[in-house]
Amino acid sequence: MSTLKPFSMAVKAVILDDEGRCLLIRRSAHNTNFIGCWEWPGGKLDPGESFDVGLEREVMEECGLTVDLTGLAGAMEFEMPKVRVVLLCMEARQTGGTIRMSEEHDDSAWIHLSELKNQTLHEHHRQFMIDYANSKALTP
């Protein structure tokens, strides 16, 4: 029997606008972990849910927006107390809705990718987010 933690999949949307900004949302005191950290919208998939449907659902639940997924931003893995999380990050663009926060989040901001390094980011996502921003800065 394996002693390794089981895998769990989560998804995040890097919602980009025409000015090179991404949408960040801040975790509220309603959460157990990472309160006050800024993150991209997203979350865990429901059993049997495809990642695209799950990500669109999570974005709507967390911030009230509809999005089209436009490409892969990247993937990473990190450990939580009970599981190893595989996080799939997809680039997206807003197609509708108005920003409204769920109880899981208490604020939102459109931040230039170059400013991500100055934000209080989730410790497991921080380096990935900064590396992503740096890779976009090199893209003409």
C-alpha atoms as a PDB file:
ATOM      1  CA  MET A   1       0.000   0.000   0.000  1.00  0.00           C
ATOM      2  CA  SER A   2       1.312   3.427  -0.953  1.00  0.00           C
ATOM      3  CA  THR A   3       2.158   5.901   1.786  1.00  0.00           C
ATOM      4  CA  LEU A   4       2.032   8.836  -0.639  1.00  0.00           C
ATOM      5  CA  LYS A   5      -0.754  11.361  -0.322  1.00  0.00           C
ATOM      6  CA  PRO A   6      -3.479  11.130  -2.961  1.00  0.00           C
ATOM      7  CA  PHE A   7      -3.653  13.683  -5.774  1.00  0.00           C
ATOM      8  CA  SER A   8      -6.351  16.331  -6.005  1.00  0.00           C
ATOM      9  CA  MET A   9      -6.890  18.624  -8.991  1.00  0.00           C
ATOM     10  CA  ALA A  10      -7.580  22.342  -8.789  1.00  0.00           C
ATOM     11  CA  VAL A  11      -7.932  24.966 -11.511  1.00  0.00           C
ATOM     12  CA  LYS A  12      -7.289  28.718 -11.689  1.00  0.00           C
ATOM     13  CA  ALA A  13      -8.163  31.318 -14.338  1.00  0.00           C
ATOM     14  CA  VAL A  14      -5.654  33.982 -15.286  1.00  0.00           C
ATOM     15  CA  ILE A  15      -8.242  36.470 -16.520  1.00  0.00           C
ATOM     16  CA  LEU A  16      -6.364  38.999 -18.641  1.00  0.00           C
ATOM     17  CA  ASP A  17      -7.554  42.344 -19.979  1.00  0.00           C
ATOM     18  CA  ASP A  18      -6.326  44.411 -22.939  1.00  0.00           C
ATOM     19  CA  GLU A  19      -4.045  46.472 -20.675  1.00  0.00           C
ATOM     20  CA  GLY A  20      -1.907  43.532 -19.502  1.00  0.00           C
ATOM     21  CA  ARG A  21      -3.657  43.231 -16.168  1.00  0.00           C
ATOM     22  CA  CYS A  22      -4.955  40.112 -14.443  1.00  0.00           C
ATOM     23  CA  LEU A  23      -7.807  39.803 -12.004  1.00  0.00           C
ATOM     24  CA  LEU A  24      -6.838  38.993  -8.425  1.00  0.00           C
ATOM     25  CA  ILE A  25      -9.264  38.199  -5.624  1.00  0.00           C
ATOM     26  CA  ARG A  26      -8.418  38.275  -1.906  1.00  0.00           C
ATOM     27  CA  ARG A  27      -9.253  35.379   0.418  1.00  0.00           C
ATOM     28  CA  SER A  28     -11.573  36.423   3.236  1.00  0.00           C
ATOM     29  CA  ALA A  29     -11.677  35.421   6.893  1.00  0.00           C
ATOM     30  CA  HIS A  30     -14.340  32.873   5.897  1.00  0.00           C
ATOM     31  CA  ASN A  31     -11.492  30.584   4.703  1.00  0.00           C
ATOM     32  CA  THR A  32      -9.418  28.197   6.784  1.00  0.00           C
ATOM     33  CA  ASN A  33      -6.159  28.772   4.901  1.00  0.00           C
ATOM     34  CA  PHE A  34      -4.299  31.706   3.348  1.00  0.00           C
ATOM     35  CA  ILE A  35      -6.597  34.467   4.646  1.00  0.00           C
ATOM     36  CA  GLY A  36      -5.662  37.843   3.134  1.00  0.00           C
ATOM     37  CA  CYS A  37      -3.759  36.330   0.214  1.00  0.00           C
ATOM     38  CA  TRP A  38      -4.480  37.414  -3.332  1.00  0.00           C
ATOM     39  CA  GLU A  39      -5.071  34.725  -5.936  1.00  0.00           C
ATOM     40  CA  TRP A  40      -6.485  34.057  -9.366  1.00  0.00           C
ATOM     41  CA  PRO A  41     -10.117  32.847  -9.344  1.00  0.00           C
ATOM     42  CA  GLY A  42     -10.647  29.099  -9.319  1.00  0.00           C
ATOM     43  CA  GLY A  43     -10.831  26.097  -7.068  1.00  0.00           C
ATOM     44  CA  LYS A  44     -11.396  22.372  -6.807  1.00  0.00           C
ATOM     45  CA  LEU A  45     -13.206  20.310  -9.386  1.00  0.00           C
ATOM     46  CA  ASP A  46     -16.380  18.449  -8.506  1.00  0.00           C
ATOM     47  CA  PRO A  47     -16.224  14.641  -8.985  1.00  0.00           C
ATOM     48  CA  GLY A  48     -16.470  13.821 -12.703  1.00  0.00           C
ATOM     49  CA  GLU A  49     -16.351  17.488 -13.747  1.00  0.00           C
ATOM     50  CA  SER A  50     -14.127  18.454 -16.696  1.00  0.00           C
ATOM     51  CA  PHE A  51     -11.524  21.104 -15.928  1.00  0.00           C
ATOM     52  CA  ASP A  52     -12.994  23.697 -18.320  1.00  0.00           C
ATOM     53  CA  VAL A  53     -16.540  23.380 -16.995  1.00  0.00           C
ATOM     54  CA  GLY A  54     -15.225  23.376 -13.412  1.00  0.00           C
ATOM     55  CA  LEU A  55     -13.095  26.462 -13.957  1.00  0.00           C
ATOM     56  CA  GLU A  56     -15.933  28.405 -15.572  1.00  0.00           C
ATOM     57  CA  ARG A  57     -18.193  27.396 -12.638  1.00  0.00           C
ATOM     58  CA  GLU A  58     -15.590  28.435 -10.044  1.00  0.00           C
ATOM     59  CA  VAL A  59     -15.018  31.835 -11.688  1.00  0.00           C
ATOM     60  CA  MET A  60     -18.774  32.496 -11.716  1.00  0.00           C
ATOM     61  CA  GLU A  61     -19.146  31.387  -8.080  1.00  0.00           C
ATOM     62  CA  GLU A  62     -16.154  33.356  -6.786  1.00  0.00           C
ATOM     63  CA  CYS A  63     -16.410  36.614  -8.696  1.00  0.00           C
ATOM     64  CA  GLY A  64     -19.544  36.642 -10.876  1.00  0.00           C
ATOM     65  CA  LEU A  65     -17.819  36.656 -14.272  1.00  0.00           C
ATOM     66  CA  THR A  66     -18.244  34.526 -17.357  1.00  0.00           C
ATOM     67  CA  VAL A  67     -15.043  33.714 -19.213  1.00  0.00           C
ATOM     68  CA  ASP A  68     -13.727  31.999 -22.302  1.00  0.00           C
ATOM     69  CA  LEU A  69     -10.595  29.935 -21.756  1.00  0.00           C
ATOM     70  CA  THR A  70      -7.960  30.983 -24.290  1.00  0.00           C
ATOM     71  CA  GLY A  71      -4.895  28.874 -23.516  1.00  0.00           C
ATOM     72  CA  LEU A  72      -2.663  27.191 -20.995  1.00  0.00           C
ATOM     73  CA  ALA A  73      -0.870  29.401 -18.488  1.00  0.00           C
ATOM     74  CA  GLY A  74       0.869  26.420 -16.865  1.00  0.00           C
ATOM     75  CA  ALA A  75       0.640  23.791 -14.175  1.00  0.00           C
ATOM     76  CA  MET A  76       2.247  23.152 -10.829  1.00  0.00           C
ATOM     77  CA  GLU A  77       2.088  20.795  -7.865  1.00  0.00           C
ATOM     78  CA  PHE A  78       2.157  21.488  -4.132  1.00  0.00           C
ATOM     79  CA  GLU A  79       1.370  19.641  -0.915  1.00  0.00           C
ATOM     80  CA  MET A  80      -1.416  20.318   1.519  1.00  0.00           C
ATOM     81  CA  PRO A  81      -1.854  18.398   4.796  1.00  0.00           C
ATOM     82  CA  LYS A  82      -3.951  15.590   3.278  1.00  0.00           C
ATOM     83  CA  VAL A  83      -3.358  15.756  -0.494  1.00  0.00           C
ATOM     84  CA  ARG A  84      -0.919  16.657  -3.240  1.00  0.00           C
ATOM     85  CA  VAL A  85      -2.605  19.301  -5.361  1.00  0.00           C
ATOM     86  CA  VAL A  86      -2.066  19.507  -9.104  1.00  0.00           C
ATOM     87  CA  LEU A  87      -2.996  23.042 -10.116  1.00  0.00           C
ATOM     88  CA  LEU A  88      -3.859  23.732 -13.745  1.00  0.00           C
ATOM     89  CA  CYS A  89      -3.848  27.440 -14.647  1.00  0.00           C
ATOM     90  CA  MET A  90      -5.627  28.585 -17.790  1.00  0.00           C
ATOM     91  CA  GLU A  91      -5.553  31.967 -19.473  1.00  0.00           C
ATOM     92  CA  ALA A  92      -9.007  33.445 -19.938  1.00  0.00           C
ATOM     93  CA  ARG A  93     -10.825  36.554 -21.043  1.00  0.00           C
ATOM     94  CA  GLN A  94     -13.952  38.017 -19.531  1.00  0.00           C
ATOM     95  CA  THR A  95     -17.041  37.623 -21.695  1.00  0.00           C
ATOM     96  CA  GLY A  96     -19.704  38.886 -19.301  1.00  0.00           C
ATOM     97  CA  GLY A  97     -20.855  39.479 -15.779  1.00  0.00           C
ATOM     98  CA  THR A  98     -20.020  42.056 -13.158  1.00  0.00           C
ATOM     99  CA  ILE A  99     -17.494  41.456 -10.418  1.00  0.00           C
ATOM    100  CA  ARG A 100     -19.137  40.422  -7.159  1.00  0.00           C
ATOM    101  CA  MET A 101     -17.374  38.563  -4.385  1.00  0.00           C
ATOM    102  CA  SER A 102     -18.492  35.292  -2.827  1.00  0.00           C
ATOM    103  CA  GLU A 103     -18.088  34.899   0.940  1.00  0.00           C
ATOM    104  CA  GLU A 104     -14.725  33.203   0.240  1.00  0.00           C
ATOM    105  CA  HIS A 105     -13.272  36.520  -0.992  1.00  0.00           C
ATOM    106  CA  ASP A 106     -13.555  40.094   0.208  1.00  0.00           C
ATOM    107  CA  ASP A 107     -11.898  42.200  -2.494  1.00  0.00           C
ATOM    108  CA  SER A 108     -10.809  42.200  -6.127  1.00  0.00           C
ATOM    109  CA  ALA A 109      -8.260  44.156  -8.147  1.00  0.00           C
ATOM    110  CA  TRP A 110      -6.986  44.313 -11.691  1.00  0.00           C
ATOM    111  CA  ILE A 111      -3.192  44.183 -11.310  1.00  0.00           C
ATOM    112  CA  HIS A 112      -0.555  44.581 -14.010  1.00  0.00           C
ATOM    113  CA  LEU A 113       1.341  41.315 -14.327  1.00  0.00           C
ATOM    114  CA  SER A 114       4.563  43.190 -13.542  1.00  0.00           C
ATOM    115  CA  GLU A 115       3.099  44.103 -10.120  1.00  0.00           C
ATOM    116  CA  LEU A 116       2.277  40.548  -9.001  1.00  0.00           C
ATOM    117  CA  LYS A 117       5.586  40.328  -7.147  1.00  0.00           C
ATOM    118  CA  ASN A 118       4.448  43.183  -4.875  1.00  0.00           C
ATOM    119  CA  GLN A 119       1.239  41.441  -3.773  1.00  0.00           C
ATOM    120  CA  THR A 120       0.587  39.142  -0.814  1.00  0.00           C
ATOM    121  CA  LEU A 121       0.224  35.889  -2.754  1.00  0.00           C
ATOM    122  CA  HIS A 122      -0.586  32.345  -1.650  1.00  0.00           C
ATOM    123  CA  GLU A 123       2.765  30.823  -0.625  1.00  0.00           C
ATOM    124  CA  HIS A 124       2.345  27.748  -2.847  1.00  0.00           C
ATOM    125  CA  HIS A 125       1.439  29.828  -5.926  1.00  0.00           C
ATOM    126  CA  ARG A 126       3.734  32.831  -5.517  1.00  0.00           C
ATOM    127  CA  GLN A 127       6.766  31.731  -7.535  1.00  0.00           C
ATOM    128  CA  PHE A 128       4.608  30.216 -10.270  1.00  0.00           C
ATOM    129  CA  MET A 129       2.614  33.459 -10.602  1.00  0.00           C
ATOM    130  CA  ILE A 130       5.746  35.608 -10.738  1.00  0.00           C
ATOM    131  CA  ASP A 131       7.395  33.278 -13.276  1.00  0.00           C
ATOM    132  CA  TYR A 132       4.246  33.441 -15.408  1.00  0.00           C
ATOM    133  CA  ALA A 133       4.254  37.252 -15.275  1.00  0.00           C
ATOM    134  CA  ASN A 134       7.940  37.332 -16.211  1.00  0.00           C
ATOM    135  CA  SER A 135       7.338  35.012 -19.174  1.00  0.00           C
ATOM    136  CA  LYS A 136       4.567  37.290 -20.450  1.00  0.00           C
ATOM    137  CA  ALA A 137       6.862  40.330 -20.152  1.00  0.00           C
ATOM    138  CA  LEU A 138       9.233  38.629 -22.606  1.00  0.00           C
ATOM    139  CA  THR A 139       6.424  38.014 -25.104  1.00  0.00           C
ATOM    140  CA  PRO A 140       6.097  40.806 -27.700  1.00  0.00           C
END
